[in-house]
Protein backbone atom coordinates (compact mmCIF):
# COMPACT_ATOMS: atom_id res chain seq x y z
CA MET A 1 -24.33 -0.48 15.45
CA ASN A 2 -27.79 -0.30 13.90
CA SER A 3 -28.62 -0.14 10.18
CA THR A 4 -28.84 3.67 10.26
CA THR A 5 -25.29 3.94 11.59
CA TYR A 6 -23.99 1.55 8.93
CA SER A 7 -25.72 3.63 6.26
CA GLN A 8 -24.17 6.83 7.62
CA ILE A 9 -20.70 5.29 7.66
CA SER A 10 -21.15 4.15 4.06
CA LYS A 11 -22.17 7.67 3.02
CA ALA A 12 -19.19 9.13 4.91
CA TRP A 13 -16.79 6.75 3.12
CA GLN A 14 -18.33 7.75 -0.23
CA PHE A 15 -18.01 11.46 0.61
CA ILE A 16 -14.34 11.03 1.58
CA GLU A 17 -13.56 9.19 -1.66
CA GLU A 18 -15.39 11.73 -3.81
CA SER A 19 -13.56 14.60 -2.09
CA SER A 20 -10.24 12.85 -2.64
CA ASN A 21 -11.09 12.29 -6.31
CA ASP A 22 -11.76 16.00 -6.73
CA ASP A 23 -8.25 16.79 -5.47
CA GLN A 24 -6.46 14.50 -7.94
CA SER A 25 -3.92 15.69 -10.48
CA SER A 26 -4.66 15.04 -14.16
CA LEU A 27 -2.21 12.09 -14.12
CA SER A 28 -3.78 10.58 -11.01
CA ARG A 29 -7.25 11.01 -12.51
CA SER A 30 -6.10 9.20 -15.64
CA ILE A 31 -4.63 6.36 -13.54
CA TYR A 32 -7.84 6.17 -11.52
CA ASN A 33 -10.05 5.99 -14.62
CA GLU A 34 -7.86 3.29 -16.13
CA ALA A 35 -8.01 1.29 -12.90
CA VAL A 36 -11.80 1.55 -12.82
CA LYS A 37 -12.02 0.41 -16.43
CA ASN A 38 -9.79 -2.63 -15.85
CA SER A 39 -10.95 -3.55 -12.36
CA HIS A 40 -12.50 -6.90 -11.44
CA THR A 41 -15.63 -7.07 -9.30
CA HIS A 42 -13.66 -7.25 -6.04
CA SER A 43 -11.55 -4.15 -6.73
CA ILE A 44 -11.96 -1.20 -4.41
CA ILE A 45 -10.05 1.77 -5.81
CA SER A 46 -9.30 4.37 -3.17
CA SER A 47 -8.07 7.91 -3.83
CA SER A 48 -8.10 8.67 -0.10
CA GLN A 49 -5.59 5.88 0.47
CA ALA A 50 -3.22 7.46 -2.05
CA GLN A 51 -3.62 10.84 -0.33
CA PHE A 52 -2.89 9.24 3.02
CA LEU A 53 0.32 7.66 1.69
CA HIS A 54 1.36 11.05 0.31
CA LEU A 55 0.83 12.63 3.72
CA GLN A 56 2.77 9.92 5.55
CA ALA A 57 5.75 10.31 3.22
CA GLN A 58 5.65 14.06 3.82
CA LEU A 59 5.32 13.75 7.60
CA ILE A 60 8.41 11.57 8.01
CA ASN A 61 10.36 13.38 5.27
CA ALA A 62 10.79 10.07 3.43
CA ARG A 63 13.65 9.89 0.94
CA THR A 64 13.94 6.12 0.46
CA VAL A 65 10.68 4.30 -0.19
CA LEU A 66 10.18 0.62 -0.98
CA LEU A 67 6.98 -0.59 -2.66
CA VAL A 68 6.36 -4.31 -2.43
CA GLY A 69 3.68 -4.85 -5.05
CA THR A 70 1.80 -2.23 -7.06
CA GLU A 71 -1.90 -1.76 -6.51
CA THR A 72 -3.81 0.66 -8.76
CA GLY A 73 -0.74 2.80 -9.45
CA LEU A 74 -2.25 5.82 -7.69
CA GLU A 75 0.30 5.36 -4.92
CA ILE A 76 3.22 6.18 -7.24
CA PRO A 77 2.53 9.88 -8.01
CA ALA A 78 1.19 10.32 -4.46
CA LEU A 79 4.39 9.04 -2.88
CA VAL A 80 6.72 10.86 -5.28
CA SER A 81 4.90 14.10 -4.46
CA GLY A 82 5.14 13.28 -0.75
CA MET A 83 8.89 12.81 -1.20
CA ASN A 84 9.05 16.34 -2.67
CA ASN A 85 10.11 14.84 -6.02
CA GLU A 86 13.43 13.77 -4.52
CA GLY A 87 15.00 10.60 -3.17
CA GLN A 88 14.82 6.99 -4.34
CA MET A 89 11.80 4.75 -4.92
CA THR A 90 12.34 1.00 -5.23
CA VAL A 91 9.50 -1.17 -6.54
CA VAL A 92 9.39 -4.97 -6.69
CA ASN A 93 6.60 -6.86 -8.44
CA ASN A 94 5.98 -10.55 -9.02
CA SER A 95 4.39 -9.89 -12.41
CA SER A 96 5.96 -8.32 -15.49
CA GLU A 97 2.64 -6.63 -16.30
CA ASP A 98 2.63 -4.74 -12.99
CA ALA A 99 6.31 -3.84 -13.39
CA ASN A 100 5.70 -2.40 -16.87
CA ARG A 101 2.64 -0.49 -15.66
CA THR A 102 4.70 0.96 -12.79
CA ARG A 103 7.44 2.14 -15.17
CA ASN A 104 4.90 3.74 -17.51
CA ILE A 105 3.27 5.66 -14.65
CA PHE A 106 6.61 6.82 -13.29
CA ASN A 107 7.80 7.92 -16.74
CA ALA A 108 4.65 10.04 -17.10
CA LEU A 109 5.45 12.07 -13.97
CA PRO A 110 6.36 15.68 -14.81
CA ASP A 111 9.61 17.28 -13.61
CA THR A 112 10.62 14.84 -10.90
CA HIS A 113 14.11 14.29 -9.52
CA THR A 114 13.04 11.12 -7.75
CA LYS A 115 14.89 8.07 -9.04
CA MET A 116 13.09 4.77 -9.47
CA ARG A 117 14.34 1.21 -9.51
CA CYS A 118 11.63 -1.21 -10.65
CA VAL A 119 12.25 -4.95 -10.75
CA HIS A 120 10.18 -8.00 -11.67
CA THR A 121 11.36 -10.93 -9.58
CA ASP A 122 10.57 -13.11 -6.59
CA THR A 123 9.79 -10.75 -3.72
CA ASP A 124 11.38 -12.72 -0.91
CA THR A 125 14.63 -13.28 -2.81
CA PHE A 126 14.88 -9.60 -3.74
CA LEU A 127 14.20 -8.27 -0.24
CA ALA A 128 16.83 -10.57 1.25
CA ARG A 129 19.47 -8.89 -0.95
CA LEU A 130 18.70 -5.30 0.08
CA ASN A 131 20.92 -3.40 2.51
CA ALA A 132 19.84 -3.23 6.13
CA HIS A 133 18.34 -0.01 7.54
CA ASP A 134 18.16 1.68 4.13
CA TYR A 135 14.46 2.56 3.98
CA ASP A 136 12.23 5.21 5.53
CA MET A 137 8.99 3.59 4.32
CA ILE A 138 7.84 0.19 3.09
CA ILE A 139 4.38 -0.03 1.49
CA VAL A 140 2.88 -3.44 0.75
CA SER A 141 0.00 -4.44 -1.53
CA GLY A 142 -1.04 -7.11 -3.99
CA ASP A 143 -0.28 -10.82 -3.66
CA PRO A 144 -0.49 -12.58 -0.27
CA GLN A 145 3.19 -13.56 -0.37
CA ASN A 146 4.14 -9.87 -0.60
CA TYR A 147 2.77 -9.31 2.90
CA ARG A 148 4.56 -12.23 4.48
CA SER A 149 7.89 -11.45 2.79
CA ALA A 150 7.75 -7.72 3.54
CA PHE A 151 6.82 -8.25 7.16
CA ASN A 152 9.60 -10.80 7.65
CA HIS A 153 12.23 -8.40 6.26
CA SER A 154 10.83 -5.06 7.45
CA GLU A 155 12.59 -4.85 10.81
CA ARG A 156 15.96 -5.35 9.12
CA LEU A 157 15.29 -3.01 6.19
CA LEU A 158 13.70 -0.05 7.98
CA ARG A 159 15.62 2.70 9.70
CA SER A 160 14.86 3.63 13.29
CA ASN A 161 11.30 5.04 13.37
CA GLY A 162 10.79 3.70 9.86
CA LEU A 163 7.22 3.12 8.71
CA LEU A 164 5.71 -0.13 7.44
CA ILE A 165 2.29 0.21 5.77
CA LEU A 166 0.22 -2.80 4.77
CA THR A 167 -2.68 -1.80 2.50
CA ASP A 168 -5.87 -3.86 2.13
CA ALA A 169 -5.36 -5.01 5.71
CA MET A 170 -8.83 -6.58 5.73
CA ALA A 171 -8.00 -8.69 2.64
CA MET A 172 -11.05 -7.63 0.67
CA ARG A 173 -9.45 -6.83 -2.69
CA ASN A 174 -8.33 -10.31 -3.73
CA GLN A 175 -10.62 -12.19 -6.10
CA ASP A 176 -11.02 -15.14 -3.73
CA SER A 177 -12.07 -12.92 -0.80
CA HIS A 178 -15.22 -13.99 1.03
CA GLY A 179 -15.49 -11.28 3.66
CA GLY A 180 -11.78 -10.96 4.37
CA VAL A 181 -10.15 -10.78 7.80
CA PRO A 182 -13.35 -9.95 9.75
CA ASP A 183 -15.06 -13.15 8.53
CA ALA A 184 -13.55 -16.16 10.30
CA ALA A 185 -14.97 -18.40 7.57
CA ASP A 186 -12.79 -16.70 4.95
CA ARG A 187 -9.71 -18.94 4.69
CA SER A 188 -8.29 -17.33 1.56
CA GLU A 189 -4.50 -17.09 1.53
CA LYS A 190 -4.45 -13.31 1.98
CA ALA A 191 -6.97 -13.26 4.83
CA VAL A 192 -5.03 -15.96 6.69
CA ALA A 193 -1.71 -14.16 6.11
CA LEU A 194 -3.01 -10.84 7.43
CA ARG A 195 -4.67 -12.39 10.48
CA THR A 196 -1.33 -14.01 11.29
CA ILE A 197 0.60 -10.77 10.83
CA LEU A 198 -1.82 -8.86 13.06
CA ASP A 199 -1.39 -11.50 15.74
CA GLU A 200 2.41 -11.36 15.45
CA LEU A 201 2.44 -7.56 15.60
CA SER A 202 0.46 -7.63 18.84
CA ARG A 203 3.30 -9.68 20.38
CA ASN A 204 6.24 -7.94 18.68
CA ASP A 205 8.15 -5.49 20.89
CA SER A 206 10.06 -4.06 17.91
CA PHE A 207 7.03 -2.23 16.48
CA ASP A 208 4.31 0.14 17.58
CA TYR A 209 1.31 -0.35 15.30
CA SER A 210 -2.22 0.75 14.54
CA LEU A 211 -5.00 -0.69 12.39
CA VAL A 212 -6.77 2.19 10.64
CA ALA A 213 -10.05 2.39 8.71
CA ILE A 214 -8.84 3.82 5.42
CA ALA A 215 -10.08 2.14 2.21
CA THR A 216 -10.12 -1.61 3.02
CA GLY A 217 -8.01 -1.11 6.12
CA MET A 218 -4.35 -0.28 6.61
CA ILE A 219 -1.82 -1.51 9.14
CA LEU A 220 0.72 1.14 10.15
CA ALA A 221 3.73 -0.12 12.07
CA VAL A 222 6.67 1.99 13.26
CA THR A 223 10.02 0.53 14.26
CA LYS A 224 11.09 1.44 17.78
């Protein structure tokens, strides 16, 4: 691609994000503004990603959703809405700050019948204790270890045709990112973990998967 094409793609990405921002609820707009205010220089805050998660939950009629890590928080109202304000959302975070932020966002949701279980604990230990084939969707973000743990447990935890979504698939949102997955010189923990997972998915007969260009990349994998 030449420089003109790159410029056009950048403008298209900006247009998509601005359009998604315009469609936000007042709560989502408040979450977005707070995320922008508190973001570090590597943060990329994507409303279109939240909309995409909402649509995926709606398409598969998700009623049991597992979040491994919390990103900006925009995903919470988006997913609850996609679940038609029903079902069960389980959230596990390594940090107490993220767990408290998740609870505050959920408690601000109006008129929802969705139940939430939010825990602050070691991700791998928690996932190992969950019942097999209980989840329609697993969404992963945040720390590098979240990706490895969630991927290792996903086949056991997901129902048939369950959906695993790894956000920031290009590993560009972590503070130690130096180009992420596309840059072979980037040996940050998250970039290495996601390269490994992509390689394993390409050889795993239990999943169909796709790498999609939403926000900083998403991996969608469906259990067969």
